[in-house]
Amino acid sequence: MSARLIYECSSMGAAWRAMIVGLLGAVLVLAAAWPAAAEGAIAAERVSTVFINPGKRGDVFWDMIVDTMQAAAAHLRIDLEVIYAERSSRLMQVLGMSVVKRPVQPQLLILSNEDNAGVPILEAANAAGIRTLLISNDVAGRDKARLLGPRVHLSHWVGSLMPDIEAAGVRMAEKLTGTARRQGLQAADGRLHILVLAGAAKSPSGFDWERGASRFLKTQPDVVTDRTLVANWNANDAEELTENYIAWAKRKNIRVAGVLAGNDPMALVAIKAIRSAGLKPGHDVLVAGLNWSPHALASVQAGEMLLTDGGHFLMGLWSMIMLRDMVDGCDGFAKGKPTLLPMAFVTRKSADAVLSVMREGFFQKLDVDRLRAKGGNACRPYDFSLYALFQALPVTGWE
């Protein structure tokens, strides 16, 4: 689904609301709504899988990924072990190497190349013959130039499953600046002044998001990016950076139009800093975040946050589906390039619908057979688009 189509759908009010509800309802629908069919029958073989989670327990985004992973794994007969690296790249490498060196190795390994720390584990796993999937953060920079992509030089690197995070950066910047113009948030110089709160300098996904946002902002002659500040995904750092930026803007007599944040926690503390400065978030200054986290959705619902982009927590679901299908003979991973998953933003028009679904906690009641490529003796193509999921998997009972 293109960024333009997502943007256009977001302005459709009830239609966009129905689309989001349909998507989440389709993916998270109760098992009773989809009785198992012969075509969707799962293989009897159990598959041992380890996911080295770069985050901590309590990191909302990674918790959402793990929730969908665990629900899908239970249905697909995948024995999933989740190990937490506690946001330490050094610990992640230690944990990864210990998994590779186990006397009984897992059949599958899932990594995220957070801070570019996943490559040594990826190469060690390949040497050990462990099929490995990268999610969220792909190989980048010199490593990308050297390794080229899945199955080029590392035959057991089976694929990369990545959110289309660069498109999200473009979409967020476009929505925020367009809304700021309509609300008349220009400074005395007639231009919109923006703060960009980036994640980590070594995070490939964070870099892609920043590149998308910056690319769009540079095409807008009436927009000034005053600062692009690296907060390292840290809420405390993001709050301090926002406070300092607002104080600087006040000294320079500059009206701040908006803050683009690389994740929801940074966006939420930016809102706190805006409020502390005596400004009204959502009215005086617009804020956009990323992740669809519950607190951010509530803030969007309240009108303090303009939007939260996301849906990429479904990487957890799709990683289980695609790995199970690969084991069962339907290999849908691309050679030499990542498989991209679409994302979409949630605004105040659609926040109620999304929150109502997220609060139901349907993650443990997934029926994923309808989404699989494996169907009897045939292999169906995947369709990852959000709109296609809504159309192909209608759900009754949702308004």
Protein backbone atom coordinates (compact mmCIF):
# COMPACT_ATOMS: atom_id res chain seq x y z
CA MET A 1 0.00 0.00 0.00
CA SER A 2 1.56 3.31 -1.05
CA ALA A 3 2.15 6.20 1.31
CA ARG A 4 -0.23 8.26 -0.84
CA LEU A 5 -3.03 5.71 -0.54
CA ILE A 6 -2.56 5.51 3.23
CA TYR A 7 -2.62 9.30 3.45
CA GLU A 8 -5.77 9.49 1.38
CA CYS A 9 -7.45 6.77 3.40
CA SER A 10 -6.62 8.64 6.61
CA SER A 11 -8.81 11.52 5.51
CA MET A 12 -11.81 9.33 4.80
CA GLY A 13 -13.10 9.39 8.38
CA ALA A 14 -15.43 6.43 8.85
CA ALA A 15 -13.92 4.54 5.92
CA TRP A 16 -10.42 4.77 7.42
CA ARG A 17 -11.80 3.82 10.80
CA ALA A 18 -13.43 0.76 9.29
CA MET A 19 -10.21 -0.15 7.53
CA ILE A 20 -8.16 -0.04 10.74
CA VAL A 21 -10.78 -1.97 12.66
CA GLY A 22 -11.00 -4.49 9.87
CA LEU A 23 -7.26 -4.95 9.77
CA LEU A 24 -6.83 -5.48 13.48
CA GLY A 25 -10.00 -7.47 13.78
CA ALA A 26 -8.91 -9.69 10.91
CA VAL A 27 -5.52 -10.32 12.41
CA LEU A 28 -6.68 -10.61 15.99
CA VAL A 29 -10.06 -12.26 15.45
CA LEU A 30 -11.26 -14.95 17.82
CA ALA A 31 -10.40 -18.46 16.73
CA ALA A 32 -14.06 -19.38 16.81
CA ALA A 33 -14.71 -17.07 13.92
CA TRP A 34 -12.34 -19.05 11.71
CA PRO A 35 -12.71 -22.80 12.11
CA ALA A 36 -9.66 -24.72 11.01
CA ALA A 37 -9.77 -25.89 7.41
CA ALA A 38 -7.94 -28.74 5.78
CA GLU A 39 -5.96 -26.35 3.57
CA GLY A 40 -4.71 -24.43 6.58
CA ALA A 41 -3.74 -27.50 8.57
CA ILE A 42 -0.35 -27.08 10.22
CA ALA A 43 2.54 -29.49 9.95
CA ALA A 44 3.02 -31.91 12.82
CA GLU A 45 6.73 -31.13 13.22
CA ARG A 46 7.53 -28.76 16.07
CA VAL A 47 10.13 -26.11 15.33
CA SER A 48 12.54 -24.76 17.96
CA THR A 49 13.09 -21.01 17.65
CA VAL A 50 14.98 -18.42 19.68
CA PHE A 51 14.28 -14.70 19.49
CA ILE A 52 16.97 -12.45 20.95
CA ASN A 53 14.92 -9.41 21.87
CA PRO A 54 17.06 -6.25 21.86
CA GLY A 55 14.67 -4.53 24.29
CA LYS A 56 13.61 -4.94 27.89
CA ARG A 57 10.46 -6.38 29.42
CA GLY A 58 8.14 -3.42 29.58
CA ASP A 59 9.34 -1.85 26.31
CA VAL A 60 5.89 -1.40 24.79
CA PHE A 61 6.88 -1.84 21.15
CA TRP A 62 8.90 -5.00 21.73
CA ASP A 63 6.27 -6.36 24.12
CA MET A 64 3.68 -5.99 21.34
CA ILE A 65 5.94 -7.87 18.93
CA VAL A 66 6.49 -10.66 21.46
CA ASP A 67 2.75 -10.91 22.18
CA THR A 68 1.93 -11.54 18.52
CA MET A 69 4.89 -13.89 18.18
CA GLN A 70 3.85 -16.01 21.13
CA ALA A 71 0.21 -16.20 20.06
CA ALA A 72 1.12 -17.26 16.53
CA ALA A 73 3.84 -19.66 17.72
CA ALA A 74 1.38 -21.54 19.92
CA HIS A 75 -0.94 -22.09 16.96
CA LEU A 76 1.85 -22.99 14.51
CA ARG A 77 3.62 -25.52 16.78
CA ILE A 78 6.70 -23.35 17.16
CA ASP A 79 8.58 -23.70 20.43
CA LEU A 80 9.56 -20.07 20.95
CA GLU A 81 12.15 -18.92 23.47
CA VAL A 82 12.52 -15.17 24.01
CA ILE A 83 15.79 -13.85 25.47
CA TYR A 84 16.08 -10.18 26.48
CA ALA A 85 19.23 -8.16 25.73
CA GLU A 86 18.07 -5.28 27.96
CA ARG A 87 18.93 -2.67 25.31
CA SER A 88 22.62 -3.58 25.55
CA SER A 89 24.35 -4.36 22.26
CA ARG A 90 27.19 -6.02 24.13
CA LEU A 91 24.81 -8.27 26.06
CA MET A 92 22.96 -9.06 22.84
CA GLN A 93 26.18 -10.35 21.28
CA VAL A 94 27.02 -12.41 24.36
CA LEU A 95 23.54 -13.94 24.40
CA GLY A 96 23.59 -14.58 20.67
CA MET A 97 26.93 -16.33 20.74
CA SER A 98 25.83 -18.47 23.68
CA VAL A 99 22.78 -19.61 21.70
CA VAL A 100 24.95 -20.49 18.69
CA LYS A 101 27.31 -22.51 20.91
CA ARG A 102 24.59 -24.53 22.64
CA PRO A 103 25.03 -28.32 22.50
CA VAL A 104 21.48 -28.51 21.14
CA GLN A 105 20.99 -25.57 18.83
CA PRO A 106 17.64 -24.09 17.85
CA GLN A 107 16.44 -24.75 14.32
CA LEU A 108 15.66 -21.07 13.81
CA LEU A 109 17.05 -17.83 15.21
CA ILE A 110 15.47 -14.36 15.06
CA LEU A 111 17.62 -11.25 15.51
CA SER A 112 17.33 -7.50 15.21
CA ASN A 113 20.45 -5.69 14.07
CA GLU A 114 20.05 -3.04 16.76
CA ASP A 115 23.09 -0.74 16.91
CA ASN A 116 24.63 -2.92 14.16
CA ALA A 117 25.39 -5.50 16.86
CA GLY A 118 23.58 -8.40 15.19
CA VAL A 119 26.03 -9.07 12.35
CA PRO A 120 28.60 -11.10 14.34
CA ILE A 121 25.76 -13.30 15.64
CA LEU A 122 24.34 -13.62 12.13
CA GLU A 123 27.69 -14.76 10.75
CA ALA A 124 28.31 -17.17 13.63
CA ALA A 125 24.84 -18.67 13.21
CA ASN A 126 25.42 -19.08 9.50
CA ALA A 127 28.68 -20.94 10.16
CA ALA A 128 26.81 -23.17 12.62
CA GLY A 129 24.07 -23.92 10.07
CA ILE A 130 21.28 -22.16 12.01
CA ARG A 131 18.69 -20.54 9.78
CA THR A 132 18.39 -16.91 10.87
CA LEU A 133 15.85 -14.17 10.24
CA LEU A 134 16.45 -10.46 10.82
CA ILE A 135 13.53 -8.26 11.84
CA SER A 136 13.09 -4.54 12.49
CA ASN A 137 16.74 -3.54 11.85
CA ASP A 138 18.51 -4.84 8.76
CA VAL A 139 22.20 -5.09 7.95
CA ALA A 140 23.46 -1.63 7.02
CA GLY A 141 26.51 0.37 5.93
CA ARG A 142 29.72 -1.54 5.27
CA ASP A 143 28.14 -4.78 6.43
CA LYS A 144 25.42 -4.39 3.81
CA ALA A 145 28.00 -3.70 1.09
CA ARG A 146 29.96 -6.76 2.18
CA LEU A 147 27.13 -9.25 2.76
CA LEU A 148 24.76 -7.82 0.09
CA GLY A 149 21.61 -9.43 1.50
CA PRO A 150 19.99 -12.70 2.59
CA ARG A 151 21.32 -15.86 0.93
CA VAL A 152 23.97 -14.10 -1.12
CA HIS A 153 27.12 -14.78 0.92
CA LEU A 154 25.39 -16.23 3.99
CA SER A 155 23.22 -19.11 2.84
CA HIS A 156 21.59 -19.65 6.25
CA TRP A 157 20.56 -16.01 6.57
CA VAL A 158 17.12 -16.82 5.23
CA GLY A 159 15.60 -13.35 5.09
CA SER A 160 15.00 -9.87 6.47
CA LEU A 161 11.49 -8.83 7.49
CA MET A 162 11.39 -5.07 7.80
CA PRO A 163 8.73 -2.40 8.31
CA ASP A 164 8.61 0.25 5.62
CA ILE A 165 9.92 2.74 8.16
CA GLU A 166 11.27 5.24 5.64
CA ALA A 167 7.80 5.64 4.15
CA ALA A 168 6.48 6.20 7.67
CA GLY A 169 8.94 9.06 8.13
CA VAL A 170 7.73 10.68 4.92
CA ARG A 171 4.09 10.18 5.86
CA MET A 172 4.49 11.61 9.37
CA ALA A 173 6.34 14.69 8.14
CA GLU A 174 3.76 15.29 5.42
CA LYS A 175 0.83 15.01 7.82
CA LEU A 176 2.39 17.16 10.53
CA THR A 177 3.45 20.00 8.23
CA GLY A 178 0.16 19.96 6.34
CA THR A 179 -1.82 20.20 9.57
CA ALA A 180 0.49 22.90 10.93
CA ARG A 181 -0.17 25.02 7.83
CA ARG A 182 -3.91 24.64 8.20
CA GLN A 183 -3.70 25.62 11.87
CA GLY A 184 -1.59 28.68 11.10
CA LEU A 185 1.44 27.68 13.17
CA GLN A 186 3.95 29.68 11.10
CA ALA A 187 6.53 31.78 12.95
CA ALA A 188 7.06 35.50 12.32
CA ASP A 189 9.27 34.62 9.32
CA GLY A 190 6.31 32.86 7.71
CA ARG A 191 7.84 29.41 8.03
CA LEU A 192 7.11 26.28 10.06
CA HIS A 193 9.85 25.46 12.57
CA ILE A 194 10.26 21.76 13.39
CA LEU A 195 12.22 19.68 15.91
CA VAL A 196 13.16 16.12 14.90
CA LEU A 197 13.83 13.68 17.75
CA ALA A 198 15.76 10.76 16.30
CA GLY A 199 16.44 7.41 17.95
CA ALA A 200 19.97 6.02 17.95
CA ALA A 201 22.79 6.96 15.60
CA LYS A 202 23.60 3.29 14.96
CA SER A 203 20.03 2.07 14.55
CA PRO A 204 19.34 1.17 10.89
CA SER A 205 15.57 1.53 11.29
CA GLY A 206 15.98 4.83 13.12
CA PHE A 207 18.23 6.06 10.33
CA ASP A 208 15.68 5.02 7.69
CA TRP A 209 12.91 6.86 9.54
CA GLU A 210 14.99 10.01 9.88
CA ARG A 211 15.99 9.83 6.21
CA GLY A 212 12.35 9.61 5.14
CA ALA A 213 11.26 12.51 7.35
CA SER A 214 14.23 14.69 6.37
CA ARG A 215 13.81 13.94 2.67
CA PHE A 216 10.25 15.22 2.75
CA LEU A 217 11.00 18.24 4.95
CA LYS A 218 13.76 19.37 2.57
CA THR A 219 11.23 19.57 -0.27
CA GLN A 220 9.11 22.08 1.65
CA PRO A 221 10.39 25.65 1.16
CA ASP A 222 8.31 26.96 4.06
CA VAL A 223 9.65 24.41 6.59
CA VAL A 224 12.77 24.81 8.74
CA THR A 225 14.20 21.85 10.65
CA ASP A 226 15.78 23.77 13.50
CA ARG A 227 17.28 20.72 15.17
CA THR A 228 17.68 16.99 14.55
CA LEU A 229 18.60 15.61 17.96
CA VAL A 230 19.52 12.03 18.87
CA ALA A 231 17.75 10.89 22.05
CA ASN A 232 18.85 7.22 21.85
CA TRP A 233 15.24 6.05 22.28
CA ASN A 234 15.47 7.41 25.83
CA ALA A 235 12.46 9.27 27.19
CA ASN A 236 14.46 11.25 29.76
CA ASP A 237 16.92 12.42 27.12
CA ALA A 238 14.08 13.30 24.74
CA GLU A 239 12.31 15.37 27.38
CA GLU A 240 15.46 17.33 28.22
CA LEU A 241 16.27 17.90 24.55
CA THR A 242 12.76 19.16 23.88
CA GLU A 243 12.84 21.47 26.88
CA ASN A 244 16.16 22.94 25.74
CA TYR A 245 14.91 23.39 22.18
CA ILE A 246 11.73 25.17 23.28
CA ALA A 247 13.77 27.44 25.57
CA TRP A 248 16.13 28.25 22.67
CA ALA A 249 13.19 28.98 20.36
CA LYS A 250 11.66 31.28 22.97
CA ARG A 251 14.92 33.24 23.32
CA LYS A 252 15.06 33.62 19.54
CA ASN A 253 11.38 34.61 19.41
CA ILE A 254 10.62 31.60 17.18
CA ARG A 255 7.23 29.94 17.24
CA VAL A 256 7.62 26.14 17.29
CA ALA A 257 5.20 24.39 14.94
CA GLY A 258 5.87 20.73 15.67
CA VAL A 259 7.95 17.84 16.93
CA LEU A 260 8.57 14.68 14.90
CA ALA A 261 9.62 11.82 17.17
CA GLY A 262 11.08 8.47 16.13
CA ASN A 263 8.96 6.58 18.66
CA ASP A 264 5.99 7.09 20.95
CA PRO A 265 7.86 7.34 24.29
CA MET A 266 9.90 10.27 22.94
CA ALA A 267 6.75 11.88 21.54
CA LEU A 268 4.94 11.56 24.87
CA VAL A 269 7.70 13.26 26.85
CA ALA A 270 7.93 15.96 24.18
CA ILE A 271 4.27 16.64 24.93
CA LYS A 272 5.16 16.86 28.62
CA ALA A 273 7.92 19.38 27.86
CA ILE A 274 5.59 21.42 25.67
CA ARG A 275 3.02 21.57 28.45
CA SER A 276 5.68 22.52 31.01
CA ALA A 277 6.64 25.46 28.79
CA GLY A 278 3.11 26.81 29.07
CA LEU A 279 2.08 25.71 25.59
CA LYS A 280 -0.87 23.55 24.63
CA PRO A 281 0.13 20.34 22.78
CA GLY A 282 -2.09 19.69 19.79
CA HIS A 283 -3.02 23.35 19.59
CA ASP A 284 0.15 25.45 19.92
CA VAL A 285 2.60 22.69 18.95
CA LEU A 286 1.89 19.48 17.02
CA VAL A 287 3.58 16.18 17.92
CA ALA A 288 3.82 12.97 15.89
CA GLY A 289 5.05 9.62 17.24
CA LEU A 290 5.62 6.08 16.06
CA ASN A 291 4.56 2.64 17.36
CA TRP A 292 0.78 2.61 18.02
CA SER A 293 1.51 2.20 21.73
CA PRO A 294 -1.59 2.33 23.98
CA HIS A 295 -0.49 5.51 25.79
CA ALA A 296 0.19 7.24 22.49
CA LEU A 297 -3.18 6.16 21.09
CA ALA A 298 -4.84 7.61 24.19
CA SER A 299 -2.93 10.85 23.66
CA VAL A 300 -4.06 10.96 20.03
CA GLN A 301 -7.60 10.28 21.20
CA ALA A 302 -7.33 13.22 23.63
CA GLY A 303 -6.08 15.53 20.88
CA GLU A 304 -2.64 16.15 22.40
CA MET A 305 -0.71 14.03 19.88
CA LEU A 306 -1.48 14.53 16.21
CA LEU A 307 -0.80 10.93 15.19
CA THR A 308 1.09 7.75 15.88
CA ASP A 309 2.30 5.75 12.91
CA GLY A 310 2.80 2.03 13.17
CA GLY A 311 1.30 -1.40 12.83
CA HIS A 312 4.82 -2.81 12.49
CA PHE A 313 4.43 -4.82 15.69
CA LEU A 314 2.83 -7.29 13.27
CA MET A 315 6.41 -8.27 12.37
CA GLY A 316 6.08 -10.69 15.24
CA LEU A 317 3.05 -12.35 13.68
CA TRP A 318 4.51 -12.43 10.18
CA SER A 319 7.87 -13.77 11.33
CA MET A 320 6.17 -16.83 12.81
CA ILE A 321 3.96 -17.36 9.77
CA MET A 322 6.76 -17.03 7.24
CA LEU A 323 9.21 -19.22 9.18
CA ARG A 324 6.58 -21.92 9.66
CA ASP A 325 5.75 -21.78 5.95
CA MET A 326 9.44 -21.98 5.05
CA VAL A 327 9.87 -25.11 7.16
CA ASP A 328 6.76 -26.56 5.53
CA GLY A 329 8.03 -25.94 2.01
CA CYS A 330 6.62 -22.52 1.13
CA ASP A 331 9.57 -20.16 1.24
CA GLY A 332 8.41 -16.56 0.80
CA PHE A 333 11.58 -14.69 1.78
CA ALA A 334 13.32 -12.64 -0.89
CA LYS A 335 16.93 -13.25 -1.85
CA GLY A 336 19.27 -10.31 -1.56
CA LYS A 337 16.71 -7.80 -0.29
CA PRO A 338 14.36 -7.29 2.64
CA THR A 339 10.68 -8.16 2.69
CA LEU A 340 8.87 -4.90 3.52
CA LEU A 341 5.75 -4.67 5.67
CA PRO A 342 3.41 -1.69 5.27
CA MET A 343 2.53 0.70 8.07
CA ALA A 344 -0.15 3.35 8.59
CA PHE A 345 -0.84 6.28 10.87
CA VAL A 346 -3.67 6.62 13.37
CA THR A 347 -5.19 10.06 13.92
CA ARG A 348 -7.95 11.21 16.23
CA LYS A 349 -10.56 10.01 13.71
CA SER A 350 -9.41 6.40 14.01
CA ALA A 351 -7.93 6.30 17.54
CA ASP A 352 -11.18 5.19 19.22
CA ALA A 353 -11.50 2.21 16.91
CA VAL A 354 -7.89 1.12 17.28
CA LEU A 355 -7.89 1.50 21.07
CA SER A 356 -11.08 -0.54 21.41
CA VAL A 357 -9.49 -3.42 19.55
CA MET A 358 -6.10 -3.19 21.27
CA ARG A 359 -7.72 -3.26 24.70
CA GLU A 360 -9.54 -6.50 23.96
CA GLY A 361 -6.30 -8.50 24.20
CA PHE A 362 -7.04 -10.79 21.29
CA PHE A 363 -3.35 -11.61 20.81
CA GLN A 364 -3.72 -14.95 22.57
CA LYS A 365 -6.63 -16.01 20.36
CA LEU A 366 -5.06 -15.69 16.92
CA ASP A 367 -6.06 -17.89 14.04
CA VAL A 368 -3.32 -17.41 11.49
CA ASP A 369 -4.09 -20.14 8.94
CA ARG A 370 -5.87 -17.73 6.59
CA LEU A 371 -2.71 -15.61 6.36
CA ARG A 372 -0.35 -18.45 5.51
CA ALA A 373 1.24 -19.20 2.16
CA LYS A 374 1.02 -22.92 2.91
CA GLY A 375 -2.32 -24.36 1.83
CA GLY A 376 -2.49 -28.10 1.26
CA ASN A 377 0.00 -28.93 -1.47
CA ALA A 378 0.07 -25.40 -2.84
CA CYS A 379 1.97 -22.24 -1.91
CA ARG A 380 -0.01 -19.01 -2.09
CA PRO A 381 1.65 -15.60 -2.45
CA TYR A 382 1.64 -13.28 0.56
CA ASP A 383 -0.20 -10.00 0.45
CA PHE A 384 1.11 -7.80 3.24
CA SER A 385 -0.89 -4.68 2.41
CA LEU A 386 -3.16 -3.46 5.19
CA TYR A 387 -5.98 -2.78 2.78
CA ALA A 388 -5.76 -6.27 1.27
CA LEU A 389 -5.88 -7.84 4.74
CA PHE A 390 -9.04 -5.89 5.50
CA GLN A 391 -10.67 -6.81 2.20
CA ALA A 392 -9.65 -10.48 2.25
CA LEU A 393 -10.55 -11.10 5.88
CA PRO A 394 -13.86 -9.36 6.65
CA VAL A 395 -14.97 -9.43 10.27
CA THR A 396 -18.54 -9.25 11.41
CA GLY A 397 -19.55 -7.46 14.58
CA TRP A 398 -17.42 -4.36 14.04
CA GLU A 399 -18.95 -1.01 13.16
